[in-house]
Amino acid sequence: MLTDWQLLQNKLKERFGSEMEHDTLLFMIGLQELGKPYQKYKKDQKLEVMHIAVCTLLEPFGFYEYKGRDDDGWPHWELKESLPHLDAKQQNKLINEAIIDYFKRSGLI
């Protein structure tokens, strides 16, 4: 039986032609949540887009609270609870769970 992560990767492969790594997924989710037409982003802007994804993904876990959008339309969150110290394996597990939850809520898996 396939795991939710494998199901997600299969859906992404069907739609985009390949599986996606975390950074790619974070950038894609961030763009979706930013809600602006795609454009070329500088490196620091790409990190900001990925930060949007992280805040979006961790909000249901109680770590962030959405505060609204600024005058340029960029969303902002407030840190509600400090993230616990996690080793790389634990961080990977948390972000995988959050990504799976995001795509379940969106109806993709």
C-alpha atoms as a PDB file:
ATOM      1  CA  MET A   1       0.000   0.000   0.000  1.00  0.00           C
ATOM      2  CA  LEU A   2       1.281   3.444  -0.921  1.00  0.00           C
ATOM      3  CA  THR A   3       1.960   6.048   1.730  1.00  0.00           C
ATOM      4  CA  ASP A   4       0.344   9.483   1.467  1.00  0.00           C
ATOM      5  CA  TRP A   5       3.758  10.876   0.464  1.00  0.00           C
ATOM      6  CA  GLN A   6       4.018   8.346  -2.381  1.00  0.00           C
ATOM      7  CA  LEU A   7       0.459   9.139  -3.481  1.00  0.00           C
ATOM      8  CA  LEU A   8       1.296  12.842  -3.534  1.00  0.00           C
ATOM      9  CA  GLN A   9       4.482  12.261  -5.513  1.00  0.00           C
ATOM     10  CA  ASN A  10       2.543  10.111  -8.009  1.00  0.00           C
ATOM     11  CA  LYS A  11      -0.047  12.890  -8.474  1.00  0.00           C
ATOM     12  CA  LEU A  12       2.701  15.481  -8.942  1.00  0.00           C
ATOM     13  CA  LYS A  13       4.474  13.233 -11.440  1.00  0.00           C
ATOM     14  CA  GLU A  14       1.223  12.845 -13.419  1.00  0.00           C
ATOM     15  CA  ARG A  15       0.660  16.604 -13.461  1.00  0.00           C
ATOM     16  CA  PHE A  16       4.192  17.978 -13.802  1.00  0.00           C
ATOM     17  CA  GLY A  17       6.179  15.069 -15.251  1.00  0.00           C
ATOM     18  CA  SER A  18       8.402  14.438 -12.231  1.00  0.00           C
ATOM     19  CA  GLU A  19       8.440  14.070  -8.492  1.00  0.00           C
ATOM     20  CA  MET A  20       9.323  17.155  -6.459  1.00  0.00           C
ATOM     21  CA  GLU A  21      11.784  17.767  -3.660  1.00  0.00           C
ATOM     22  CA  HIS A  22      10.878  19.761  -0.557  1.00  0.00           C
ATOM     23  CA  ASP A  23      12.328  23.051  -1.792  1.00  0.00           C
ATOM     24  CA  THR A  24      10.380  22.818  -5.044  1.00  0.00           C
ATOM     25  CA  LEU A  25       7.177  21.980  -3.184  1.00  0.00           C
ATOM     26  CA  LEU A  26       7.715  24.848  -0.753  1.00  0.00           C
ATOM     27  CA  PHE A  27       8.254  27.295  -3.607  1.00  0.00           C
ATOM     28  CA  MET A  28       5.169  25.998  -5.432  1.00  0.00           C
ATOM     29  CA  ILE A  29       2.990  26.229  -2.303  1.00  0.00           C
ATOM     30  CA  GLY A  30       4.343  29.687  -1.551  1.00  0.00           C
ATOM     31  CA  LEU A  31       3.485  30.883  -5.057  1.00  0.00           C
ATOM     32  CA  GLN A  32      -0.004  29.424  -4.720  1.00  0.00           C
ATOM     33  CA  GLU A  33      -0.557  31.184  -1.410  1.00  0.00           C
ATOM     34  CA  LEU A  34       0.965  34.438  -2.665  1.00  0.00           C
ATOM     35  CA  GLY A  35      -1.661  34.415  -5.394  1.00  0.00           C
ATOM     36  CA  LYS A  36       0.280  36.561  -7.842  1.00  0.00           C
ATOM     37  CA  PRO A  37       1.068  35.735 -11.456  1.00  0.00           C
ATOM     38  CA  TYR A  38       4.382  33.956 -11.868  1.00  0.00           C
ATOM     39  CA  GLN A  39       7.352  36.196 -12.448  1.00  0.00           C
ATOM     40  CA  LYS A  40      11.093  35.864 -12.100  1.00  0.00           C
ATOM     41  CA  TYR A  41      12.135  36.204  -8.487  1.00  0.00           C
ATOM     42  CA  LYS A  42      15.487  37.172  -7.055  1.00  0.00           C
ATOM     43  CA  LYS A  43      17.081  34.745  -4.595  1.00  0.00           C
ATOM     44  CA  ASP A  44      15.865  36.667  -1.515  1.00  0.00           C
ATOM     45  CA  GLN A  45      12.352  36.863  -2.966  1.00  0.00           C
ATOM     46  CA  LYS A  46      12.376  33.098  -3.572  1.00  0.00           C
ATOM     47  CA  LEU A  47      13.224  32.598   0.086  1.00  0.00           C
ATOM     48  CA  GLU A  48      10.335  34.890   1.044  1.00  0.00           C
ATOM     49  CA  VAL A  49       7.984  32.846  -1.171  1.00  0.00           C
ATOM     50  CA  MET A  50       9.210  29.671   0.533  1.00  0.00           C
ATOM     51  CA  HIS A  51       8.680  31.335   3.927  1.00  0.00           C
ATOM     52  CA  ILE A  52       5.048  31.936   2.925  1.00  0.00           C
ATOM     53  CA  ALA A  53       4.767  28.189   2.361  1.00  0.00           C
ATOM     54  CA  VAL A  54       6.359  27.319   5.703  1.00  0.00           C
ATOM     55  CA  CYS A  55       4.017  29.659   7.582  1.00  0.00           C
ATOM     56  CA  THR A  56       1.015  28.307   5.651  1.00  0.00           C
ATOM     57  CA  LEU A  57       2.026  24.716   6.322  1.00  0.00           C
ATOM     58  CA  LEU A  58       2.737  25.186  10.022  1.00  0.00           C
ATOM     59  CA  GLU A  59      -0.289  27.377  10.801  1.00  0.00           C
ATOM     60  CA  PRO A  60      -2.620  24.353  11.335  1.00  0.00           C
ATOM     61  CA  PHE A  61      -0.075  23.010  13.857  1.00  0.00           C
ATOM     62  CA  GLY A  62      -0.450  26.210  15.908  1.00  0.00           C
ATOM     63  CA  PHE A  63       2.980  27.681  15.238  1.00  0.00           C
ATOM     64  CA  TYR A  64       1.829  30.668  13.177  1.00  0.00           C
ATOM     65  CA  GLU A  65      -1.247  32.887  12.977  1.00  0.00           C
ATOM     66  CA  TYR A  66      -2.210  34.592   9.737  1.00  0.00           C
ATOM     67  CA  LYS A  67      -2.340  38.382  10.116  1.00  0.00           C
ATOM     68  CA  GLY A  68      -3.281  39.553   6.631  1.00  0.00           C
ATOM     69  CA  ARG A  69      -1.665  41.054   3.571  1.00  0.00           C
ATOM     70  CA  ASP A  70       0.488  44.138   3.243  1.00  0.00           C
ATOM     71  CA  ASP A  71      -0.018  46.911   0.688  1.00  0.00           C
ATOM     72  CA  ASP A  72       1.877  44.887  -1.925  1.00  0.00           C
ATOM     73  CA  GLY A  73      -0.361  41.851  -1.395  1.00  0.00           C
ATOM     74  CA  TRP A  74       2.187  39.720   0.464  1.00  0.00           C
ATOM     75  CA  PRO A  75       0.726  37.628   3.310  1.00  0.00           C
ATOM     76  CA  HIS A  76       2.110  37.888   6.836  1.00  0.00           C
ATOM     77  CA  TRP A  77       1.976  35.665   9.909  1.00  0.00           C
ATOM     78  CA  GLU A  78       2.845  36.022  13.545  1.00  0.00           C
ATOM     79  CA  LEU A  79       4.845  33.352  15.328  1.00  0.00           C
ATOM     80  CA  LYS A  80       2.538  31.980  18.030  1.00  0.00           C
ATOM     81  CA  GLU A  81       4.675  29.195  19.430  1.00  0.00           C
ATOM     82  CA  SER A  82       8.395  28.680  19.041  1.00  0.00           C
ATOM     83  CA  LEU A  83       9.280  25.722  16.941  1.00  0.00           C
ATOM     84  CA  PRO A  84      10.780  22.904  18.996  1.00  0.00           C
ATOM     85  CA  HIS A  85      14.375  21.888  18.357  1.00  0.00           C
ATOM     86  CA  LEU A  86      14.184  19.070  15.849  1.00  0.00           C
ATOM     87  CA  ASP A  87      16.923  17.040  14.254  1.00  0.00           C
ATOM     88  CA  ALA A  88      16.986  16.724  10.459  1.00  0.00           C
ATOM     89  CA  LYS A  89      14.900  13.530  10.438  1.00  0.00           C
ATOM     90  CA  GLN A  90      12.232  15.084  12.691  1.00  0.00           C
ATOM     91  CA  GLN A  91      12.167  18.289  10.591  1.00  0.00           C
ATOM     92  CA  ASN A  92      11.722  16.197   7.462  1.00  0.00           C
ATOM     93  CA  LYS A  93       8.870  14.259   9.050  1.00  0.00           C
ATOM     94  CA  LEU A  94       7.095  17.435  10.223  1.00  0.00           C
ATOM     95  CA  ILE A  95       7.362  19.152   6.844  1.00  0.00           C
ATOM     96  CA  ASN A  96       6.230  15.975   5.038  1.00  0.00           C
ATOM     97  CA  GLU A  97       3.169  15.748   7.299  1.00  0.00           C
ATOM     98  CA  ALA A  98       2.417  19.429   6.774  1.00  0.00           C
ATOM     99  CA  ILE A  99       2.773  19.156   2.976  1.00  0.00           C
ATOM    100  CA  ILE A 100       0.534  16.080   2.893  1.00  0.00           C
ATOM    101  CA  ASP A 101      -2.043  17.875   5.069  1.00  0.00           C
ATOM    102  CA  TYR A 102      -1.928  20.902   2.730  1.00  0.00           C
ATOM    103  CA  PHE A 103      -2.570  18.801  -0.363  1.00  0.00           C
ATOM    104  CA  LYS A 104      -5.295  16.780   1.373  1.00  0.00           C
ATOM    105  CA  ARG A 105      -7.069  20.041   2.254  1.00  0.00           C
ATOM    106  CA  SER A 106      -6.708  21.160  -1.376  1.00  0.00           C
ATOM    107  CA  GLY A 107      -8.212  17.879  -2.604  1.00  0.00           C
ATOM    108  CA  LEU A 108      -5.166  16.688  -4.556  1.00  0.00           C
ATOM    109  CA  ILE A 109      -4.763  13.555  -2.407  1.00  0.00           C
END
